[in-house]
């Protein structure tokens, strides 16, 4: 499993960052662009996409790898 990807507010718009990275992987003018980019990385790395709001708080998580929840039907 790769690094979780975070979509976070940035002084120039929105950024996608790997978990623990100091620098943004890429910066975008809209949150939607950052989410799409982060989703592609998370799918490729079988990790999670964690989307933060303007206030920096987590507002959504999407898992594209091993889901930590044990769902049995």
PDB file of N, CA and C in Angstrom:
ATOM      1  N   UNK A   1       0.851  -1.179   0.000  1.00  0.00           N
ATOM      2  CA  UNK A   1       0.000   0.000   0.000  1.00  0.00           C
ATOM      3  C   UNK A   1       0.896   1.242   0.000  1.00  0.00           C
ATOM      4  N   UNK A   2       0.569   2.198  -0.854  1.00  0.00           N
ATOM      5  CA  UNK A   2       1.341   3.430  -0.971  1.00  0.00           C
ATOM      6  C   UNK A   2       0.916   4.472   0.042  1.00  0.00           C
ATOM      7  N   UNK A   3       1.436   5.673  -0.144  1.00  0.00           N
ATOM      8  CA  UNK A   3       1.112   6.787   0.750  1.00  0.00           C
ATOM      9  C   UNK A   3      -0.309   7.278   0.503  1.00  0.00           C
ATOM     10  N   UNK A   4      -0.994   7.576   1.591  1.00  0.00           N
ATOM     11  CA  UNK A   4      -2.299   8.223   1.460  1.00  0.00           C
ATOM     12  C   UNK A   4      -2.095   9.604   0.852  1.00  0.00           C
ATOM     13  N   UNK A   5      -3.066  10.043   0.066  1.00  0.00           N
ATOM     14  CA  UNK A   5      -3.004  11.336  -0.601  1.00  0.00           C
ATOM     15  C   UNK A   5      -3.969  12.295   0.081  1.00  0.00           C
ATOM     16  N   UNK A   6      -3.514  13.507   0.336  1.00  0.00           N
ATOM     17  CA  UNK A   6      -4.336  14.523   0.983  1.00  0.00           C
ATOM     18  C   UNK A   6      -4.581  15.679   0.014  1.00  0.00           C
ATOM     19  N   UNK A   7      -5.832  16.124  -0.051  1.00  0.00           N
ATOM     20  CA  UNK A   7      -6.182  17.340  -0.792  1.00  0.00           C
ATOM     21  C   UNK A   7      -6.345  18.424   0.265  1.00  0.00           C
ATOM     22  N   UNK A   8      -5.493  19.442   0.191  1.00  0.00           N
ATOM     23  CA  UNK A   8      -5.435  20.462   1.241  1.00  0.00           C
ATOM     24  C   UNK A   8      -5.467  21.868   0.657  1.00  0.00           C
ATOM     25  N   UNK A   9      -5.962  22.846   1.448  1.00  0.00           N
ATOM     26  CA  UNK A   9      -5.899  24.243   0.994  1.00  0.00           C
ATOM     27  C   UNK A   9      -4.445  24.672   0.811  1.00  0.00           C
ATOM     28  N   UNK A  10      -4.206  25.543  -0.165  1.00  0.00           N
ATOM     29  CA  UNK A  10      -2.865  26.027  -0.486  1.00  0.00           C
ATOM     30  C   UNK A  10      -2.981  27.510  -0.809  1.00  0.00           C
ATOM     31  N   UNK A  11      -1.915  28.269  -0.601  1.00  0.00           N
ATOM     32  CA  UNK A  11      -1.975  29.713  -0.857  1.00  0.00           C
ATOM     33  C   UNK A  11      -2.343  30.040  -2.299  1.00  0.00           C
ATOM     34  N   UNK A  12      -2.069  29.113  -3.222  1.00  0.00           N
ATOM     35  CA  UNK A  12      -2.392  29.316  -4.634  1.00  0.00           C
ATOM     36  C   UNK A  12      -3.622  28.538  -5.083  1.00  0.00           C
ATOM     37  N   UNK A  13      -4.391  28.005  -4.141  1.00  0.00           N
ATOM     38  CA  UNK A  13      -5.612  27.254  -4.470  1.00  0.00           C
ATOM     39  C   UNK A  13      -5.719  25.999  -3.628  1.00  0.00           C
ATOM     40  N   UNK A  14      -5.523  24.844  -4.280  1.00  0.00           N
ATOM     41  CA  UNK A  14      -5.611  23.547  -3.605  1.00  0.00           C
ATOM     42  C   UNK A  14      -4.430  22.689  -4.013  1.00  0.00           C
ATOM     43  N   UNK A  15      -3.952  21.860  -3.086  1.00  0.00           N
ATOM     44  CA  UNK A  15      -2.791  21.021  -3.354  1.00  0.00           C
ATOM     45  C   UNK A  15      -3.092  19.561  -3.048  1.00  0.00           C
ATOM     46  N   UNK A  16      -2.412  18.689  -3.759  1.00  0.00           N
ATOM     47  CA  UNK A  16      -2.404  17.263  -3.456  1.00  0.00           C
ATOM     48  C   UNK A  16      -1.027  16.961  -2.873  1.00  0.00           C
ATOM     49  N   UNK A  17      -1.025  16.319  -1.686  1.00  0.00           N
ATOM     50  CA  UNK A  17       0.222  15.994  -0.991  1.00  0.00           C
ATOM     51  C   UNK A  17       0.186  14.548  -0.538  1.00  0.00           C
ATOM     52  N   UNK A  18       1.320  13.874  -0.645  1.00  0.00           N
ATOM     53  CA  UNK A  18       1.450  12.545  -0.062  1.00  0.00           C
ATOM     54  C   UNK A  18       1.568  12.676   1.451  1.00  0.00           C
ATOM     55  N   UNK A  19       1.038  11.713   2.181  1.00  0.00           N
ATOM     56  CA  UNK A  19       1.093  11.740   3.647  1.00  0.00           C
ATOM     57  C   UNK A  19       2.531  11.886   4.117  1.00  0.00           C
ATOM     58  N   UNK A  20       2.780  12.838   4.999  1.00  0.00           N
ATOM     59  CA  UNK A  20       4.100  13.058   5.566  1.00  0.00           C
ATOM     60  C   UNK A  20       5.009  13.947   4.730  1.00  0.00           C
ATOM     61  N   UNK A  21       4.601  14.265   3.506  1.00  0.00           N
ATOM     62  CA  UNK A  21       5.423  15.122   2.652  1.00  0.00           C
ATOM     63  C   UNK A  21       5.293  16.578   3.075  1.00  0.00           C
ATOM     64  N   UNK A  22       6.391  17.308   3.026  1.00  0.00           N
ATOM     65  CA  UNK A  22       6.359  18.733   3.350  1.00  0.00           C
ATOM     66  C   UNK A  22       5.867  19.557   2.166  1.00  0.00           C
ATOM     67  N   UNK A  23       6.250  19.132   0.959  1.00  0.00           N
ATOM     68  CA  UNK A  23       5.877  19.872  -0.241  1.00  0.00           C
ATOM     69  C   UNK A  23       4.689  19.219  -0.936  1.00  0.00           C
ATOM     70  N   UNK A  24       3.922  20.033  -1.615  1.00  0.00           N
ATOM     71  CA  UNK A  24       2.801  19.536  -2.403  1.00  0.00           C
ATOM     72  C   UNK A  24       3.319  18.773  -3.610  1.00  0.00           C
ATOM     73  N   UNK A  25       2.609  17.713  -3.982  1.00  0.00           N
ATOM     74  CA  UNK A  25       2.934  16.993  -5.206  1.00  0.00           C
ATOM     75  C   UNK A  25       2.591  17.873  -6.399  1.00  0.00           C
ATOM     76  N   UNK A  26       1.416  18.518  -6.315  1.00  0.00           N
ATOM     77  CA  UNK A  26       0.975  19.409  -7.385  1.00  0.00           C
ATOM     78  C   UNK A  26      -0.069  20.371  -6.813  1.00  0.00           C
ATOM     79  N   UNK A  27      -0.103  21.603  -7.356  1.00  0.00           N
ATOM     80  CA  UNK A  27      -1.037  22.632  -6.901  1.00  0.00           C
ATOM     81  C   UNK A  27      -2.017  22.942  -8.035  1.00  0.00           C
ATOM     82  N   UNK A  28      -3.275  23.137  -7.672  1.00  0.00           N
ATOM     83  CA  UNK A  28      -4.348  23.397  -8.635  1.00  0.00           C
ATOM     84  C   UNK A  28      -5.140  24.621  -8.222  1.00  0.00           C
ATOM     85  N   UNK A  29      -5.860  25.191  -9.173  1.00  0.00           N
ATOM     86  CA  UNK A  29      -6.687  26.354  -8.852  1.00  0.00           C
ATOM     87  C   UNK A  29      -8.005  25.948  -8.199  1.00  0.00           C
ATOM     88  N   UNK A  30      -8.470  24.694  -8.434  1.00  0.00           N
ATOM     89  CA  UNK A  30      -9.734  24.259  -7.821  1.00  0.00           C
ATOM     90  C   UNK A  30      -9.533  22.983  -7.009  1.00  0.00           C
ATOM     91  N   UNK A  31     -10.415  22.796  -6.038  1.00  0.00           N
ATOM     92  CA  UNK A  31     -10.369  21.591  -5.221  1.00  0.00           C
ATOM     93  C   UNK A  31     -10.697  20.365  -6.076  1.00  0.00           C
ATOM     94  N   UNK A  32     -11.619  20.517  -7.017  1.00  0.00           N
ATOM     95  CA  UNK A  32     -12.014  19.391  -7.864  1.00  0.00           C
ATOM     96  C   UNK A  32     -10.827  18.854  -8.663  1.00  0.00           C
ATOM     97  N   UNK A  33     -10.015  19.742  -9.217  1.00  0.00           N
ATOM     98  CA  UNK A  33      -8.824  19.315  -9.968  1.00  0.00           C
ATOM     99  C   UNK A  33      -7.859  18.558  -9.057  1.00  0.00           C
ATOM    100  N   UNK A  34      -7.653  19.071  -7.845  1.00  0.00           N
ATOM    101  CA  UNK A  34      -6.758  18.424  -6.884  1.00  0.00           C
ATOM    102  C   UNK A  34      -7.307  17.050  -6.483  1.00  0.00           C
ATOM    103  N   UNK A  35      -8.632  16.949  -6.326  1.00  0.00           N
ATOM    104  CA  UNK A  35      -9.262  15.679  -5.962  1.00  0.00           C
ATOM    105  C   UNK A  35      -9.083  14.649  -7.076  1.00  0.00           C
ATOM    106  N   UNK A  36      -9.295  15.047  -8.316  1.00  0.00           N
ATOM    107  CA  UNK A  36      -9.151  14.126  -9.441  1.00  0.00           C
ATOM    108  C   UNK A  36      -7.716  13.607  -9.553  1.00  0.00           C
ATOM    109  N   UNK A  37      -6.748  14.504  -9.383  1.00  0.00           N
ATOM    110  CA  UNK A  37      -5.338  14.125  -9.436  1.00  0.00           C
ATOM    111  C   UNK A  37      -5.002  13.174  -8.279  1.00  0.00           C
ATOM    112  N   UNK A  38      -5.433  13.534  -7.072  1.00  0.00           N
ATOM    113  CA  UNK A  38      -5.174  12.709  -5.891  1.00  0.00           C
ATOM    114  C   UNK A  38      -5.833  11.342  -5.991  1.00  0.00           C
ATOM    115  N   UNK A  39      -7.046  11.290  -6.564  1.00  0.00           N
ATOM    116  CA  UNK A  39      -7.759  10.024  -6.741  1.00  0.00           C
ATOM    117  C   UNK A  39      -6.954   9.083  -7.646  1.00  0.00           C
ATOM    118  N   UNK A  40      -6.414   9.614  -8.734  1.00  0.00           N
ATOM    119  CA  UNK A  40      -5.618   8.789  -9.648  1.00  0.00           C
ATOM    120  C   UNK A  40      -4.398   8.196  -8.940  1.00  0.00           C
ATOM    121  N   UNK A  41      -3.736   9.009  -8.133  1.00  0.00           N
ATOM    122  CA  UNK A  41      -2.566   8.515  -7.385  1.00  0.00           C
ATOM    123  C   UNK A  41      -2.995   7.463  -6.363  1.00  0.00           C
ATOM    124  N   UNK A  42      -4.073   7.738  -5.624  1.00  0.00           N
ATOM    125  CA  UNK A  42      -4.551   6.804  -4.597  1.00  0.00           C
ATOM    126  C   UNK A  42      -4.953   5.462  -5.215  1.00  0.00           C
ATOM    127  N   UNK A  43      -5.602   5.495  -6.373  1.00  0.00           N
ATOM    128  CA  UNK A  43      -5.979   4.255  -7.054  1.00  0.00           C
ATOM    129  C   UNK A  43      -4.715   3.497  -7.451  1.00  0.00           C
ATOM    130  N   UNK A  44      -3.761   4.196  -8.040  1.00  0.00           N
ATOM    131  CA  UNK A  44      -2.517   3.586  -8.489  1.00  0.00           C
ATOM    132  C   UNK A  44      -1.734   2.980  -7.337  1.00  0.00           C
ATOM    133  N   UNK A  45      -1.738   3.653  -6.186  1.00  0.00           N
ATOM    134  CA  UNK A  45      -0.957   3.196  -5.026  1.00  0.00           C
ATOM    135  C   UNK A  45      -1.773   2.357  -4.048  1.00  0.00           C
ATOM    136  N   UNK A  46      -3.047   2.122  -4.373  1.00  0.00           N
ATOM    137  CA  UNK A  46      -3.946   1.362  -3.488  1.00  0.00           C
ATOM    138  C   UNK A  46      -3.934   1.951  -2.072  1.00  0.00           C
ATOM    139  N   UNK A  47      -4.205   3.253  -2.010  1.00  0.00           N
ATOM    140  CA  UNK A  47      -4.188   3.958  -0.721  1.00  0.00           C
ATOM    141  C   UNK A  47      -5.485   4.749  -0.561  1.00  0.00           C
ATOM    142  N   UNK A  48      -5.501   5.688   0.380  1.00  0.00           N
ATOM    143  CA  UNK A  48      -6.692   6.503   0.634  1.00  0.00           C
ATOM    144  C   UNK A  48      -6.516   7.911   0.107  1.00  0.00           C
ATOM    145  N   UNK A  49      -7.637   8.506  -0.294  1.00  0.00           N
ATOM    146  CA  UNK A  49      -7.690   9.920  -0.642  1.00  0.00           C
ATOM    147  C   UNK A  49      -8.411  10.616   0.501  1.00  0.00           C
ATOM    148  N   UNK A  50      -7.749  11.583   1.113  1.00  0.00           N
ATOM    149  CA  UNK A  50      -8.308  12.304   2.257  1.00  0.00           C
ATOM    150  C   UNK A  50      -8.488  13.753   1.844  1.00  0.00           C
ATOM    151  N   UNK A  51      -9.741  14.200   1.856  1.00  0.00           N
ATOM    152  CA  UNK A  51     -10.079  15.533   1.369  1.00  0.00           C
ATOM    153  C   UNK A  51     -10.352  16.448   2.561  1.00  0.00           C
ATOM    154  N   UNK A  52      -9.625  17.555   2.598  1.00  0.00           N
ATOM    155  CA  UNK A  52      -9.768  18.533   3.670  1.00  0.00           C
ATOM    156  C   UNK A  52     -10.585  19.713   3.158  1.00  0.00           C
ATOM    157  N   UNK A  53     -11.323  20.359   4.070  1.00  0.00           N
ATOM    158  CA  UNK A  53     -12.068  21.564   3.718  1.00  0.00           C
ATOM    159  C   UNK A  53     -11.168  22.791   3.813  1.00  0.00           C
ATOM    160  N   UNK A  54     -11.738  23.958   3.535  1.00  0.00           N
ATOM    161  CA  UNK A  54     -10.979  25.213   3.604  1.00  0.00           C
ATOM    162  C   UNK A  54     -10.385  25.446   4.985  1.00  0.00           C
ATOM    163  N   UNK A  55     -11.062  24.912   6.021  1.00  0.00           N
ATOM    164  CA  UNK A  55     -10.589  25.086   7.398  1.00  0.00           C
ATOM    165  C   UNK A  55      -9.495  24.080   7.766  1.00  0.00           C
ATOM    166  N   UNK A  56      -9.146  23.189   6.835  1.00  0.00           N
ATOM    167  CA  UNK A  56      -8.105  22.202   7.079  1.00  0.00           C
ATOM    168  C   UNK A  56      -8.599  20.908   7.701  1.00  0.00           C
ATOM    169  N   UNK A  57      -9.860  20.880   8.154  1.00  0.00           N
ATOM    170  CA  UNK A  57     -10.415  19.675   8.779  1.00  0.00           C
ATOM    171  C   UNK A  57     -10.809  18.664   7.706  1.00  0.00           C
ATOM    172  N   UNK A  58     -10.648  17.388   8.046  1.00  0.00           N
ATOM    173  CA  UNK A  58     -11.017  16.319   7.116  1.00  0.00           C
ATOM    174  C   UNK A  58     -12.526  16.343   6.920  1.00  0.00           C
ATOM    175  N   UNK A  59     -12.946  16.341   5.647  1.00  0.00           N
ATOM    176  CA  UNK A  59     -14.377  16.328   5.362  1.00  0.00           C
ATOM    177  C   UNK A  59     -14.825  15.085   4.621  1.00  0.00           C
ATOM    178  N   UNK A  60     -13.861  14.320   4.075  1.00  0.00           N
ATOM    179  CA  UNK A  60     -14.221  13.118   3.322  1.00  0.00           C
ATOM    180  C   UNK A  60     -12.992  12.228   3.174  1.00  0.00           C
ATOM    181  N   UNK A  61     -13.230  10.901   3.170  1.00  0.00           N
ATOM    182  CA  UNK A  61     -12.163   9.927   2.926  1.00  0.00           C
ATOM    183  C   UNK A  61     -12.675   8.901   1.932  1.00  0.00           C
ATOM    184  N   UNK A  62     -11.817   8.508   1.008  1.00  0.00           N
ATOM    185  CA  UNK A  62     -12.153   7.464   0.051  1.00  0.00           C
ATOM    186  C   UNK A  62     -10.998   6.468   0.007  1.00  0.00           C
ATOM    187  N   UNK A  63     -11.315   5.192   0.172  1.00  0.00           N
ATOM    188  CA  UNK A  63     -10.293   4.152   0.179  1.00  0.00           C
ATOM    189  C   UNK A  63     -10.246   3.468  -1.176  1.00  0.00           C
ATOM    190  N   UNK A  64      -9.041   3.352  -1.729  1.00  0.00           N
ATOM    191  CA  UNK A  64      -8.839   2.679  -3.006  1.00  0.00           C
ATOM    192  C   UNK A  64      -7.902   1.492  -2.863  1.00  0.00           C
ATOM    193  N   UNK A  65      -7.697   1.048  -1.631  1.00  0.00           N
ATOM    194  CA  UNK A  65      -6.824  -0.092  -1.372  1.00  0.00           C
ATOM    195  C   UNK A  65      -7.529  -1.058  -0.460  1.00  0.00           C
ATOM    196  N   UNK A  66      -6.804  -1.575   0.491  1.00  0.00           N
ATOM    197  CA  UNK A  66      -7.405  -2.459   1.482  1.00  0.00           C
ATOM    198  C   UNK A  66      -8.232  -1.626   2.443  1.00  0.00           C
ATOM    199  N   UNK A  67      -9.530  -1.818   2.395  1.00  0.00           N
ATOM    200  CA  UNK A  67     -10.413  -1.055   3.261  1.00  0.00           C
ATOM    201  C   UNK A  67     -10.258  -1.551   4.693  1.00  0.00           C
ATOM    202  N   UNK A  68      -9.945  -0.653   5.642  1.00  0.00           N
ATOM    203  CA  UNK A  68      -9.735  -1.092   7.031  1.00  0.00           C
ATOM    204  C   UNK A  68     -11.021  -1.588   7.697  1.00  0.00           C
ATOM    205  N   UNK A  69     -12.174  -1.251   7.129  1.00  0.00           N
ATOM    206  CA  UNK A  69     -13.441  -1.715   7.706  1.00  0.00           C
ATOM    207  C   UNK A  69     -13.710  -3.139   7.237  1.00  0.00           C
ATOM    208  N   UNK A  70     -14.148  -3.979   8.122  1.00  0.00           N
ATOM    209  CA  UNK A  70     -14.440  -5.371   7.795  1.00  0.00           C
ATOM    210  C   UNK A  70     -15.940  -5.484   7.532  1.00  0.00           C
ATOM    211  N   UNK A  71     -16.307  -5.460   6.248  1.00  0.00           N
ATOM    212  CA  UNK A  71     -17.716  -5.506   5.880  1.00  0.00           C
ATOM    213  C   UNK A  71     -18.039  -6.901   5.353  1.00  0.00           C
ATOM    214  N   UNK A  72     -18.989  -7.542   6.016  1.00  0.00           N
ATOM    215  CA  UNK A  72     -19.404  -8.875   5.579  1.00  0.00           C
ATOM    216  C   UNK A  72     -20.911  -8.858   5.381  1.00  0.00           C
ATOM    217  N   UNK A  73     -21.350  -9.391   4.260  1.00  0.00           N
ATOM    218  CA  UNK A  73     -22.771  -9.336   3.954  1.00  0.00           C
ATOM    219  C   UNK A  73     -23.464 -10.576   4.061  1.00  0.00           C
TER     220      UNK A  73
END
